[in-house]
Structure formats: C-alpha cells, structure tokens
Amino acid sequence: MKETLELGEGRTDGFDSIEEQLRDFVLDSFSANAEKMNELVNSTTKKLAERDENLEDMVLAMKKEIEELKGELTIYKATLSNGMLSSRPKQQAMDVPKSEKFKGARSARDVDNFL
C-alpha cells in the first residue's frame, strides 16, 4: 500500500488533463453563451431602433397636423370676430298690439281677439 501511495503521489498527469478538459468545457460554454447573448442584444437593439424611427415619424406627422389645425383655428377665430359666419339676419323691431288696461274682468272673446 505504501508503494501504491508513493506511485499516486508522483502522478499528476491525469488530474492535469481533467483540469484542462474542465477549463476548455467552461470556456467553450461561456463562448457559446456569449455569442447567443450578443445575438439577442443585437436583435433587441435593431427592434428598438425600428420602433424609435416609427415613433419619430408619428411625432412628426402629429406636429404637422397640429400646425394645420392651428392655422384653421386662426382662420375660424378671425371669421367669428368679423361676424361673417352669422347666417341669421339681424332682428328688427316688430309692432305688437298692446292690450288695454285691465279693469277687473275680461271676456274670452277679447283675449282671443288679442292673440
């Protein structure tokens, strides 16, 4: 047993190769995962850039529409202040018959005639 122990103490070849294999495995796994992560980051970045461009286009379109609406509003305000939209003719005074003073009693015929 003493001889076997002495033989085992001197031999580190097997452990060195296992350590190298383990190191290679970890590095290969890390490299593969790093490539996948890079692909995921690149894909996400591309999608976000596309959404950003779409949002910028929408904002520009909305700004243009707002400017157009402001122009229309200015026109409408000017028209209203000038009274040009008034489609009704101005009211004129009307002659309405006046009733006689009330003296305590009235007949239905007088009321009908007045109306």
PDB file of N, CA and C in Angstrom:
ATOM      1  N   MET A   1       0.810  -1.168   0.000  1.00  0.00           N
ATOM      2  CA  MET A   1       0.000   0.000   0.000  1.00  0.00           C
ATOM      3  C   MET A   1       0.872   1.258   0.000  1.00  0.00           C
ATOM      4  N   LYS A   2       1.993   1.140   0.708  1.00  0.00           N
ATOM      5  CA  LYS A   2       2.912   2.252   0.739  1.00  0.00           C
ATOM      6  C   LYS A   2       3.459   2.530  -0.644  1.00  0.00           C
ATOM      7  N   GLU A   3       3.722   1.527  -1.385  1.00  0.00           N
ATOM      8  CA  GLU A   3       4.236   1.676  -2.748  1.00  0.00           C
ATOM      9  C   GLU A   3       3.174   2.309  -3.654  1.00  0.00           C
ATOM     10  N   THR A   4       1.943   1.892  -3.484  1.00  0.00           N
ATOM     11  CA  THR A   4       0.854   2.437  -4.292  1.00  0.00           C
ATOM     12  C   THR A   4       0.663   3.922  -3.981  1.00  0.00           C
ATOM     13  N   LEU A   5       0.769   4.285  -2.708  1.00  0.00           N
ATOM     14  CA  LEU A   5       0.632   5.675  -2.320  1.00  0.00           C
ATOM     15  C   LEU A   5       1.761   6.510  -2.890  1.00  0.00           C
ATOM     16  N   GLU A   6       2.952   5.974  -2.870  1.00  0.00           N
ATOM     17  CA  GLU A   6       4.090   6.693  -3.440  1.00  0.00           C
ATOM     18  C   GLU A   6       3.930   6.854  -4.946  1.00  0.00           C
ATOM     19  N   LEU A   7       3.406   5.839  -5.605  1.00  0.00           N
ATOM     20  CA  LEU A   7       3.168   5.925  -7.049  1.00  0.00           C
ATOM     21  C   LEU A   7       2.102   6.978  -7.343  1.00  0.00           C
ATOM     22  N   GLY A   8       1.050   7.029  -6.515  1.00  0.00           N
ATOM     23  CA  GLY A   8      -0.042   8.001  -6.714  1.00  0.00           C
ATOM     24  C   GLY A   8       0.403   9.412  -6.459  1.00  0.00           C
ATOM     25  N   GLU A   9       1.301   9.627  -5.510  1.00  0.00           N
ATOM     26  CA  GLU A   9       1.761  10.970  -5.208  1.00  0.00           C
ATOM     27  C   GLU A   9       2.587  11.547  -6.345  1.00  0.00           C
ATOM     28  N   GLY A  10       3.260  10.760  -7.021  1.00  0.00           N
ATOM     29  CA  GLY A  10       4.108  11.245  -8.098  1.00  0.00           C
ATOM     30  C   GLY A  10       3.367  11.486  -9.397  1.00  0.00           C
ATOM     31  N   ARG A  11       2.161  10.976  -9.505  1.00  0.00           N
ATOM     32  CA  ARG A  11       1.447  11.076 -10.783  1.00  0.00           C
ATOM     33  C   ARG A  11       0.379  12.164 -10.701  1.00  0.00           C
ATOM     34  N   THR A  12       0.539  13.201 -11.482  1.00  0.00           N
ATOM     35  CA  THR A  12      -0.474  14.256 -11.586  1.00  0.00           C
ATOM     36  C   THR A  12      -0.939  14.417 -13.024  1.00  0.00           C
ATOM     37  N   ASP A  13      -0.502  13.532 -13.890  1.00  0.00           N
ATOM     38  CA  ASP A  13      -0.867  13.623 -15.321  1.00  0.00           C
ATOM     39  C   ASP A  13      -2.381  13.565 -15.518  1.00  0.00           C
ATOM     40  N   GLY A  14      -3.062  12.671 -14.868  1.00  0.00           N
ATOM     41  CA  GLY A  14      -4.496  12.508 -15.043  1.00  0.00           C
ATOM     42  C   GLY A  14      -5.266  13.717 -14.553  1.00  0.00           C
ATOM     43  N   PHE A  15      -4.829  14.264 -13.438  1.00  0.00           N
ATOM     44  CA  PHE A  15      -5.518  15.437 -12.897  1.00  0.00           C
ATOM     45  C   PHE A  15      -5.306  16.665 -13.777  1.00  0.00           C
ATOM     46  N   ASP A  16      -4.123  16.805 -14.314  1.00  0.00           N
ATOM     47  CA  ASP A  16      -3.844  17.940 -15.196  1.00  0.00           C
ATOM     48  C   ASP A  16      -4.722  17.890 -16.437  1.00  0.00           C
ATOM     49  N   SER A  17      -4.870  16.698 -17.019  1.00  0.00           N
ATOM     50  CA  SER A  17      -5.688  16.606 -18.232  1.00  0.00           C
ATOM     51  C   SER A  17      -7.165  16.856 -17.911  1.00  0.00           C
ATOM     52  N   ILE A  18      -7.653  16.387 -16.766  1.00  0.00           N
ATOM     53  CA  ILE A  18      -9.046  16.632 -16.377  1.00  0.00           C
ATOM     54  C   ILE A  18      -9.254  18.126 -16.138  1.00  0.00           C
ATOM     55  N   GLU A  19      -8.278  18.764 -15.503  1.00  0.00           N
ATOM     56  CA  GLU A  19      -8.376  20.208 -15.260  1.00  0.00           C
ATOM     57  C   GLU A  19      -8.417  20.974 -16.572  1.00  0.00           C
ATOM     58  N   GLU A  20      -7.593  20.562 -17.520  1.00  0.00           N
ATOM     59  CA  GLU A  20      -7.592  21.221 -18.842  1.00  0.00           C
ATOM     60  C   GLU A  20      -8.908  20.994 -19.565  1.00  0.00           C
ATOM     61  N   GLN A  21      -9.428  19.762 -19.473  1.00  0.00           N
ATOM     62  CA  GLN A  21     -10.710  19.473 -20.117  1.00  0.00           C
ATOM     63  C   GLN A  21     -11.833  20.301 -19.497  1.00  0.00           C
ATOM     64  N   LEU A  22     -11.812  20.405 -18.173  1.00  0.00           N
ATOM     65  CA  LEU A  22     -12.835  21.195 -17.493  1.00  0.00           C
ATOM     66  C   LEU A  22     -12.716  22.668 -17.877  1.00  0.00           C
ATOM     67  N   ARG A  23     -11.522  23.197 -17.926  1.00  0.00           N
ATOM     68  CA  ARG A  23     -11.288  24.591 -18.329  1.00  0.00           C
ATOM     69  C   ARG A  23     -11.779  24.814 -19.758  1.00  0.00           C
ATOM     70  N   ASP A  24     -11.444  23.882 -20.672  1.00  0.00           N
ATOM     71  CA  ASP A  24     -11.896  24.009 -22.065  1.00  0.00           C
ATOM     72  C   ASP A  24     -13.421  23.977 -22.154  1.00  0.00           C
ATOM     73  N   PHE A  25     -14.052  23.088 -21.363  1.00  0.00           N
ATOM     74  CA  PHE A  25     -15.508  22.991 -21.372  1.00  0.00           C
ATOM     75  C   PHE A  25     -16.151  24.289 -20.899  1.00  0.00           C
ATOM     76  N   VAL A  26     -15.636  24.841 -19.812  1.00  0.00           N
ATOM     77  CA  VAL A  26     -16.184  26.086 -19.271  1.00  0.00           C
ATOM     78  C   VAL A  26     -15.990  27.217 -20.262  1.00  0.00           C
ATOM     79  N   LEU A  27     -14.816  27.316 -20.864  1.00  0.00           N
ATOM     80  CA  LEU A  27     -14.567  28.380 -21.839  1.00  0.00           C
ATOM     81  C   LEU A  27     -15.446  28.234 -23.073  1.00  0.00           C
ATOM     82  N   ASP A  28     -15.618  26.994 -23.553  1.00  0.00           N
ATOM     83  CA  ASP A  28     -16.485  26.767 -24.718  1.00  0.00           C
ATOM     84  C   ASP A  28     -17.931  27.136 -24.397  1.00  0.00           C
ATOM     85  N   SER A  29     -18.396  26.750 -23.204  1.00  0.00           N
ATOM     86  CA  SER A  29     -19.767  27.081 -22.805  1.00  0.00           C
ATOM     87  C   SER A  29     -19.940  28.589 -22.689  1.00  0.00           C
ATOM     88  N   PHE A  30     -18.961  29.239 -22.089  1.00  0.00           N
ATOM     89  CA  PHE A  30     -19.024  30.685 -21.947  1.00  0.00           C
ATOM     90  C   PHE A  30     -19.039  31.362 -23.307  1.00  0.00           C
ATOM     91  N   SER A  31     -18.204  30.899 -24.239  1.00  0.00           N
ATOM     92  CA  SER A  31     -18.148  31.486 -25.585  1.00  0.00           C
ATOM     93  C   SER A  31     -19.470  31.310 -26.309  1.00  0.00           C
ATOM     94  N   ALA A  32     -20.064  30.115 -26.208  1.00  0.00           N
ATOM     95  CA  ALA A  32     -21.343  29.863 -26.876  1.00  0.00           C
ATOM     96  C   ALA A  32     -22.434  30.754 -26.287  1.00  0.00           C
ATOM     97  N   ASN A  33     -22.464  30.863 -24.963  1.00  0.00           N
ATOM     98  CA  ASN A  33     -23.468  31.712 -24.323  1.00  0.00           C
ATOM     99  C   ASN A  33     -23.241  33.182 -24.653  1.00  0.00           C
ATOM    100  N   ALA A  34     -21.978  33.585 -24.727  1.00  0.00           N
ATOM    101  CA  ALA A  34     -21.673  34.976 -25.063  1.00  0.00           C
ATOM    102  C   ALA A  34     -22.143  35.297 -26.476  1.00  0.00           C
ATOM    103  N   GLU A  35     -21.980  34.357 -27.411  1.00  0.00           N
ATOM    104  CA  GLU A  35     -22.441  34.581 -28.790  1.00  0.00           C
ATOM    105  C   GLU A  35     -23.960  34.704 -28.831  1.00  0.00           C
ATOM    106  N   LYS A  36     -24.648  33.844 -28.078  1.00  0.00           N
ATOM    107  CA  LYS A  36     -26.110  33.911 -28.039  1.00  0.00           C
ATOM    108  C   LYS A  36     -26.568  35.234 -27.436  1.00  0.00           C
ATOM    109  N   MET A  37     -25.902  35.659 -26.386  1.00  0.00           N
ATOM    110  CA  MET A  37     -26.250  36.929 -25.754  1.00  0.00           C
ATOM    111  C   MET A  37     -26.011  38.095 -26.705  1.00  0.00           C
ATOM    112  N   ASN A  38     -24.910  38.052 -27.439  1.00  0.00           N
ATOM    113  CA  ASN A  38     -24.631  39.109 -28.419  1.00  0.00           C
ATOM    114  C   ASN A  38     -25.703  39.156 -29.497  1.00  0.00           C
ATOM    115  N   GLU A  39     -26.134  37.970 -29.964  1.00  0.00           N
ATOM    116  CA  GLU A  39     -27.187  37.921 -30.978  1.00  0.00           C
ATOM    117  C   GLU A  39     -28.488  38.501 -30.419  1.00  0.00           C
ATOM    118  N   LEU A  40     -28.799  38.149 -29.185  1.00  0.00           N
ATOM    119  CA  LEU A  40     -30.017  38.658 -28.553  1.00  0.00           C
ATOM    120  C   LEU A  40     -29.957  40.170 -28.375  1.00  0.00           C
ATOM    121  N   VAL A  41     -28.824  40.678 -27.930  1.00  0.00           N
ATOM    122  CA  VAL A  41     -28.662  42.119 -27.746  1.00  0.00           C
ATOM    123  C   VAL A  41     -28.766  42.839 -29.085  1.00  0.00           C
ATOM    124  N   ASN A  42     -28.126  42.301 -30.112  1.00  0.00           N
ATOM    125  CA  ASN A  42     -28.182  42.922 -31.443  1.00  0.00           C
ATOM    126  C   ASN A  42     -29.608  42.926 -31.991  1.00  0.00           C
ATOM    127  N   SER A  43     -30.324  41.819 -31.813  1.00  0.00           N
ATOM    128  CA  SER A  43     -31.706  41.743 -32.284  1.00  0.00           C
ATOM    129  C   SER A  43     -32.590  42.750 -31.551  1.00  0.00           C
ATOM    130  N   THR A  44     -32.432  42.824 -30.243  1.00  0.00           N
ATOM    131  CA  THR A  44     -33.226  43.759 -29.445  1.00  0.00           C
ATOM    132  C   THR A  44     -32.897  45.205 -29.820  1.00  0.00           C
ATOM    133  N   THR A  45     -31.624  45.482 -30.019  1.00  0.00           N
ATOM    134  CA  THR A  45     -31.221  46.832 -30.415  1.00  0.00           C
ATOM    135  C   THR A  45     -31.825  47.213 -31.756  1.00  0.00           C
ATOM    136  N   LYS A  46     -31.844  46.276 -32.681  1.00  0.00           N
ATOM    137  CA  LYS A  46     -32.422  46.545 -34.009  1.00  0.00           C
ATOM    138  C   LYS A  46     -33.924  46.824 -33.894  1.00  0.00           C
ATOM    139  N   LYS A  47     -34.631  46.018 -33.102  1.00  0.00           N
ATOM    140  CA  LYS A  47     -36.075  46.230 -32.920  1.00  0.00           C
ATOM    141  C   LYS A  47     -36.360  47.582 -32.269  1.00  0.00           C
ATOM    142  N   LEU A  48     -35.560  47.926 -31.265  1.00  0.00           N
ATOM    143  CA  LEU A  48     -35.762  49.213 -30.602  1.00  0.00           C
ATOM    144  C   LEU A  48     -35.487  50.381 -31.541  1.00  0.00           C
ATOM    145  N   ALA A  49     -34.485  50.241 -32.400  1.00  0.00           N
ATOM    146  CA  ALA A  49     -34.184  51.303 -33.362  1.00  0.00           C
ATOM    147  C   ALA A  49     -35.345  51.482 -34.336  1.00  0.00           C
ATOM    148  N   GLU A  50     -35.949  50.369 -34.784  1.00  0.00           N
ATOM    149  CA  GLU A  50     -37.094  50.452 -35.691  1.00  0.00           C
ATOM    150  C   GLU A  50     -38.278  51.137 -35.004  1.00  0.00           C
ATOM    151  N   ARG A  51     -38.536  50.764 -33.755  1.00  0.00           N
ATOM    152  CA  ARG A  51     -39.647  51.394 -33.021  1.00  0.00           C
ATOM    153  C   ARG A  51     -39.384  52.878 -32.814  1.00  0.00           C
ATOM    154  N   ASP A  52     -38.133  53.220 -32.552  1.00  0.00           N
ATOM    155  CA  ASP A  52     -37.775  54.618 -32.359  1.00  0.00           C
ATOM    156  C   ASP A  52     -38.036  55.417 -33.635  1.00  0.00           C
ATOM    157  N   GLU A  53     -37.660  54.853 -34.778  1.00  0.00           N
ATOM    158  CA  GLU A  53     -37.908  55.527 -36.056  1.00  0.00           C
ATOM    159  C   GLU A  53     -39.406  55.692 -36.294  1.00  0.00           C
ATOM    160  N   ASN A  54     -40.178  54.642 -35.998  1.00  0.00           N
ATOM    161  CA  ASN A  54     -41.631  54.728 -36.186  1.00  0.00           C
ATOM    162  C   ASN A  54     -42.242  55.799 -35.288  1.00  0.00           C
ATOM    163  N   LEU A  55     -41.791  55.862 -34.055  1.00  0.00           N
ATOM    164  CA  LEU A  55     -42.315  56.885 -33.135  1.00  0.00           C
ATOM    165  C   LEU A  55     -41.941  58.285 -33.606  1.00  0.00           C
ATOM    166  N   GLU A  56     -40.719  58.462 -34.108  1.00  0.00           N
ATOM    167  CA  GLU A  56     -40.315  59.770 -34.625  1.00  0.00           C
ATOM    168  C   GLU A  56     -41.180  60.180 -35.803  1.00  0.00           C
ATOM    169  N   ASP A  57     -41.481  59.227 -36.693  1.00  0.00           N
ATOM    170  CA  ASP A  57     -42.356  59.525 -37.837  1.00  0.00           C
ATOM    171  C   ASP A  57     -43.746  59.938 -37.362  1.00  0.00           C
ATOM    172  N   MET A  58     -44.266  59.221 -36.356  1.00  0.00           N
ATOM    173  CA  MET A  58     -45.588  59.554 -35.840  1.00  0.00           C
ATOM    174  C   MET A  58     -45.597  60.943 -35.204  1.00  0.00           C
ATOM    175  N   VAL A  59     -44.546  61.268 -34.463  1.00  0.00           N
ATOM    176  CA  VAL A  59     -44.478  62.583 -33.818  1.00  0.00           C
ATOM    177  C   VAL A  59     -44.418  63.680 -34.873  1.00  0.00           C
ATOM    178  N   LEU A  60     -43.634  63.476 -35.914  1.00  0.00           N
ATOM    179  CA  LEU A  60     -43.549  64.485 -36.978  1.00  0.00           C
ATOM    180  C   LEU A  60     -44.903  64.670 -37.667  1.00  0.00           C
ATOM    181  N   ALA A  61     -45.598  63.567 -37.930  1.00  0.00           N
ATOM    182  CA  ALA A  61     -46.918  63.655 -38.564  1.00  0.00           C
ATOM    183  C   ALA A  61     -47.900  64.402 -37.653  1.00  0.00           C
ATOM    184  N   MET A  62     -47.844  64.117 -36.366  1.00  0.00           N
ATOM    185  CA  MET A  62     -48.754  64.791 -35.433  1.00  0.00           C
ATOM    186  C   MET A  62     -48.422  66.277 -35.324  1.00  0.00           C
ATOM    187  N   LYS A  63     -47.144  66.630 -35.332  1.00  0.00           N
ATOM    188  CA  LYS A  63     -46.771  68.045 -35.286  1.00  0.00           C
ATOM    189  C   LYS A  63     -47.286  68.773 -36.523  1.00  0.00           C
ATOM    190  N   LYS A  64     -47.177  68.124 -37.677  1.00  0.00           N
ATOM    191  CA  LYS A  64     -47.661  68.735 -38.918  1.00  0.00           C
ATOM    192  C   LYS A  64     -49.176  68.951 -38.846  1.00  0.00           C
ATOM    193  N   GLU A  65     -49.897  67.939 -38.354  1.00  0.00           N
ATOM    194  CA  GLU A  65     -51.350  68.057 -38.248  1.00  0.00           C
ATOM    195  C   GLU A  65     -51.740  69.144 -37.244  1.00  0.00           C
ATOM    196  N   ILE A  66     -50.997  69.252 -36.154  1.00  0.00           N
ATOM    197  CA  ILE A  66     -51.272  70.291 -35.158  1.00  0.00           C
ATOM    198  C   ILE A  66     -51.090  71.673 -35.775  1.00  0.00           C
ATOM    199  N   GLU A  67     -50.048  71.851 -36.556  1.00  0.00           N
ATOM    200  CA  GLU A  67     -49.818  73.141 -37.207  1.00  0.00           C
ATOM    201  C   GLU A  67     -50.960  73.475 -38.168  1.00  0.00           C
ATOM    202  N   GLU A  68     -51.419  72.479 -38.918  1.00  0.00           N
ATOM    203  CA  GLU A  68     -52.542  72.707 -39.832  1.00  0.00           C
ATOM    204  C   GLU A  68     -53.793  73.108 -39.049  1.00  0.00           C
ATOM    205  N   LEU A  69     -54.055  72.409 -37.953  1.00  0.00           N
ATOM    206  CA  LEU A  69     -55.236  72.720 -37.146  1.00  0.00           C
ATOM    207  C   LEU A  69     -55.140  74.099 -36.508  1.00  0.00           C
ATOM    208  N   LYS A  70     -53.935  74.492 -36.102  1.00  0.00           N
ATOM    209  CA  LYS A  70     -53.759  75.832 -35.551  1.00  0.00           C
ATOM    210  C   LYS A  70     -54.066  76.889 -36.606  1.00  0.00           C
ATOM    211  N   GLY A  71     -53.642  76.640 -37.858  1.00  0.00           N
ATOM    212  CA  GLY A  71     -53.950  77.565 -38.943  1.00  0.00           C
ATOM    213  C   GLY A  71     -55.445  77.680 -39.169  1.00  0.00           C
ATOM    214  N   GLU A  72     -56.136  76.545 -39.182  1.00  0.00           N
ATOM    215  CA  GLU A  72     -57.587  76.558 -39.358  1.00  0.00           C
ATOM    216  C   GLU A  72     -58.264  77.301 -38.208  1.00  0.00           C
ATOM    217  N   LEU A  73     -57.788  77.056 -36.995  1.00  0.00           N
ATOM    218  CA  LEU A  73     -58.370  77.715 -35.836  1.00  0.00           C
ATOM    219  C   LEU A  73     -58.207  79.229 -35.921  1.00  0.00           C
ATOM    220  N   THR A  74     -57.063  79.677 -36.375  1.00  0.00           N
ATOM    221  CA  THR A  74     -56.831  81.112 -36.533  1.00  0.00           C
ATOM    222  C   THR A  74     -57.815  81.702 -37.533  1.00  0.00           C
ATOM    223  N   ILE A  75     -58.037  80.992 -38.627  1.00  0.00           N
ATOM    224  CA  ILE A  75     -58.989  81.459 -39.646  1.00  0.00           C
ATOM    225  C   ILE A  75     -60.399  81.539 -39.056  1.00  0.00           C
ATOM    226  N   TYR A  76     -60.798  80.487 -38.323  1.00  0.00           N
ATOM    227  CA  TYR A  76     -62.133  80.474 -37.738  1.00  0.00           C
ATOM    228  C   TYR A  76     -62.315  81.598 -36.723  1.00  0.00           C
ATOM    229  N   LYS A  77     -61.289  81.832 -35.912  1.00  0.00           N
ATOM    230  CA  LYS A  77     -61.376  82.919 -34.934  1.00  0.00           C
ATOM    231  C   LYS A  77     -61.525  84.268 -35.624  1.00  0.00           C
ATOM    232  N   ALA A  78     -60.756  84.479 -36.681  1.00  0.00           N
ATOM    233  CA  ALA A  78     -60.845  85.746 -37.404  1.00  0.00           C
ATOM    234  C   ALA A  78     -62.224  85.910 -38.028  1.00  0.00           C
ATOM    235  N   THR A  79     -62.753  84.839 -38.583  1.00  0.00           N
ATOM    236  CA  THR A  79     -64.076  84.891 -39.207  1.00  0.00           C
ATOM    237  C   THR A  79     -65.151  85.198 -38.167  1.00  0.00           C
ATOM    238  N   LEU A  80     -65.063  84.563 -37.020  1.00  0.00           N
ATOM    239  CA  LEU A  80     -66.055  84.808 -35.976  1.00  0.00           C
ATOM    240  C   LEU A  80     -65.970  86.230 -35.439  1.00  0.00           C
ATOM    241  N   SER A  81     -64.770  86.731 -35.294  1.00  0.00           N
ATOM    242  CA  SER A  81     -64.649  88.084 -34.757  1.00  0.00           C
ATOM    243  C   SER A  81     -65.169  89.124 -35.744  1.00  0.00           C
ATOM    244  N   ASN A  82     -65.131  88.825 -37.027  1.00  0.00           N
ATOM    245  CA  ASN A  82     -65.671  89.745 -38.035  1.00  0.00           C
ATOM    246  C   ASN A  82     -67.170  89.566 -38.222  1.00  0.00           C
ATOM    247  N   GLY A  83     -67.744  88.548 -37.637  1.00  0.00           N
ATOM    248  CA  GLY A  83     -69.186  88.318 -37.745  1.00  0.00           C
ATOM    249  C   GLY A  83     -69.598  87.785 -39.099  1.00  0.00           C
ATOM    250  N   MET A  84     -68.701  87.207 -39.841  1.00  0.00           N
ATOM    251  CA  MET A  84     -69.037  86.733 -41.181  1.00  0.00           C
ATOM    252  C   MET A  84     -69.805  85.420 -41.154  1.00  0.00           C
ATOM    253  N   LEU A  85     -69.713  84.670 -40.056  1.00  0.00           N
ATOM    254  CA  LEU A  85     -70.415  83.399 -40.005  1.00  0.00           C
ATOM    255  C   LEU A  85     -71.860  83.551 -39.560  1.00  0.00           C
ATOM    256  N   SER A  86     -72.261  84.716 -39.228  1.00  0.00           N
ATOM    257  CA  SER A  86     -73.623  84.931 -38.780  1.00  0.00           C
ATOM    258  C   SER A  86     -74.563  84.752 -39.959  1.00  0.00           C
ATOM    259  N   SER A  87     -75.299  83.658 -39.963  1.00  0.00           N
ATOM    260  CA  SER A  87     -76.198  83.383 -41.091  1.00  0.00           C
ATOM    261  C   SER A  87     -77.590  83.962 -40.852  1.00  0.00           C
ATOM    262  N   ARG A  88     -77.875  84.374 -39.629  1.00  0.00           N
ATOM    263  CA  ARG A  88     -79.185  84.944 -39.333  1.00  0.00           C
ATOM    264  C   ARG A  88     -79.154  86.448 -39.609  1.00  0.00           C
ATOM    265  N   PRO A  89     -80.210  86.948 -40.195  1.00  0.00           N
ATOM    266  CA  PRO A  89     -80.270  88.397 -40.343  1.00  0.00           C
ATOM    267  C   PRO A  89     -80.516  89.036 -38.978  1.00  0.00           C
ATOM    268  N   LYS A  90     -80.114  90.261 -38.857  1.00  0.00           N
ATOM    269  CA  LYS A  90     -80.316  90.952 -37.592  1.00  0.00           C
ATOM    270  C   LYS A  90     -81.812  91.116 -37.343  1.00  0.00           C
ATOM    271  N   GLN A  91     -82.198  90.970 -36.086  1.00  0.00           N
ATOM    272  CA  GLN A  91     -83.612  91.073 -35.747  1.00  0.00           C
ATOM    273  C   GLN A  91     -84.058  92.533 -35.841  1.00  0.00           C
ATOM    274  N   GLN A  92     -85.254  92.687 -36.384  1.00  0.00           N
ATOM    275  CA  GLN A  92     -85.828  94.023 -36.490  1.00  0.00           C
ATOM    276  C   GLN A  92     -86.981  94.140 -35.499  1.00  0.00           C
ATOM    277  N   ALA A  93     -87.231  95.353 -35.111  1.00  0.00           N
ATOM    278  CA  ALA A  93     -88.317  95.577 -34.159  1.00  0.00           C
ATOM    279  C   ALA A  93     -89.654  95.255 -34.821  1.00  0.00           C
ATOM    280  N   MET A  94     -90.538  94.626 -34.050  1.00  0.00           N
ATOM    281  CA  MET A  94     -91.853  94.265 -34.578  1.00  0.00           C
ATOM    282  C   MET A  94     -92.920  95.069 -33.841  1.00  0.00           C
ATOM    283  N   ASP A  95     -93.962  95.404 -34.569  1.00  0.00           N
ATOM    284  CA  ASP A  95     -95.099  96.079 -33.941  1.00  0.00           C
ATOM    285  C   ASP A  95     -96.026  95.030 -33.354  1.00  0.00           C
ATOM    286  N   VAL A  96     -96.186  95.078 -32.063  1.00  0.00           N
ATOM    287  CA  VAL A  96     -97.062  94.143 -31.371  1.00  0.00           C
ATOM    288  C   VAL A  96     -98.191  94.964 -30.750  1.00  0.00           C
ATOM    289  N   PRO A  97     -99.417  94.550 -30.989  1.00  0.00           N
ATOM    290  CA  PRO A  97    -100.524  95.326 -30.413  1.00  0.00           C
ATOM    291  C   PRO A  97    -100.501  95.248 -28.889  1.00  0.00           C
ATOM    292  N   LYS A  98    -100.834  96.345 -28.267  1.00  0.00           N
ATOM    293  CA  LYS A  98    -100.831  96.391 -26.808  1.00  0.00           C
ATOM    294  C   LYS A  98    -102.266  96.211 -26.316  1.00  0.00           C
ATOM    295  N   SER A  99    -102.357  95.501 -25.237  1.00  0.00           N
ATOM    296  CA  SER A  99    -103.699  95.264 -24.691  1.00  0.00           C
ATOM    297  C   SER A  99    -104.124  96.482 -23.876  1.00  0.00           C
ATOM    298  N   GLU A 100    -105.411  96.579 -23.702  1.00  0.00           N
ATOM    299  CA  GLU A 100    -105.950  97.669 -22.902  1.00  0.00           C
ATOM    300  C   GLU A 100    -105.678  97.396 -21.444  1.00  0.00           C
ATOM    301  N   LYS A 101    -105.769  98.386 -20.636  1.00  0.00           N
ATOM    302  CA  LYS A 101    -105.551  98.215 -19.209  1.00  0.00           C
ATOM    303  C   LYS A 101    -106.599  97.269 -18.648  1.00  0.00           C
ATOM    304  N   PHE A 102    -106.175  96.474 -17.671  1.00  0.00           N
ATOM    305  CA  PHE A 102    -107.074  95.524 -17.027  1.00  0.00           C
ATOM    306  C   PHE A 102    -107.990  96.265 -16.050  1.00  0.00           C
ATOM    307  N   LYS A 103    -109.279  96.027 -16.187  1.00  0.00           N
ATOM    308  CA  LYS A 103    -110.244  96.739 -15.355  1.00  0.00           C
ATOM    309  C   LYS A 103    -111.032  95.777 -14.478  1.00  0.00           C
ATOM    310  N   GLY A 104    -110.488  94.618 -14.192  1.00  0.00           N
ATOM    311  CA  GLY A 104    -111.148  93.704 -13.272  1.00  0.00           C
ATOM    312  C   GLY A 104    -111.823  92.523 -13.946  1.00  0.00           C
ATOM    313  N   ALA A 105    -112.259  92.617 -15.163  1.00  0.00           N
ATOM    314  CA  ALA A 105    -112.920  91.490 -15.824  1.00  0.00           C
ATOM    315  C   ALA A 105    -112.593  91.533 -17.306  1.00  0.00           C
ATOM    316  N   ARG A 106    -112.445  90.371 -17.873  1.00  0.00           N
ATOM    317  CA  ARG A 106    -112.175  90.295 -19.312  1.00  0.00           C
ATOM    318  C   ARG A 106    -113.017  89.193 -19.903  1.00  0.00           C
ATOM    319  N   SER A 107    -113.353  89.386 -21.130  1.00  0.00           N
ATOM    320  CA  SER A 107    -114.114  88.333 -21.794  1.00  0.00           C
ATOM    321  C   SER A 107    -113.153  87.478 -22.602  1.00  0.00           C
ATOM    322  N   ALA A 108    -113.543  86.245 -22.806  1.00  0.00           N
ATOM    323  CA  ALA A 108    -112.698  85.316 -23.577  1.00  0.00           C
ATOM    324  C   ALA A 108    -112.565  85.805 -25.005  1.00  0.00           C
ATOM    325  N   ARG A 109    -113.568  86.478 -25.500  1.00  0.00           N
ATOM    326  CA  ARG A 109    -113.511  86.993 -26.879  1.00  0.00           C
ATOM    327  C   ARG A 109    -112.422  88.053 -27.016  1.00  0.00           C
ATOM    328  N   ASP A 110    -112.263  88.945 -26.022  1.00  0.00           N
ATOM    329  CA  ASP A 110    -111.224  89.978 -26.066  1.00  0.00           C
ATOM    330  C   ASP A 110    -109.827  89.319 -26.092  1.00  0.00           C
ATOM    331  N   VAL A 111    -109.665  88.283 -25.270  1.00  0.00           N
ATOM    332  CA  VAL A 111    -108.370  87.583 -25.226  1.00  0.00           C
ATOM    333  C   VAL A 111    -108.099  86.911 -26.564  1.00  0.00           C
ATOM    334  N   ASP A 112    -109.085  86.231 -27.128  1.00  0.00           N
ATOM    335  CA  ASP A 112    -108.889  85.578 -28.428  1.00  0.00           C
ATOM    336  C   ASP A 112    -108.586  86.597 -29.514  1.00  0.00           C
ATOM    337  N   ASN A 113    -109.269  87.703 -29.496  1.00  0.00           N
ATOM    338  CA  ASN A 113    -109.014  88.756 -30.490  1.00  0.00           C
ATOM    339  C   ASN A 113    -107.583  89.290 -30.350  1.00  0.00           C
ATOM    340  N   PHE A 114    -107.144  89.429 -29.094  1.00  0.00           N
ATOM    341  CA  PHE A 114    -105.785  89.941 -28.872  1.00  0.00           C
ATOM    342  C   PHE A 114    -104.751  88.972 -29.403  1.00  0.00           C
ATOM    343  N   LEU A 115    -104.938  87.688 -29.120  1.00  0.00           N
ATOM    344  CA  LEU A 115    -103.985  86.669 -29.578  1.00  0.00           C
ATOM    345  C   LEU A 115    -104.044  86.532 -31.086  1.00  0.00           C
TER     346      LEU A 115
END
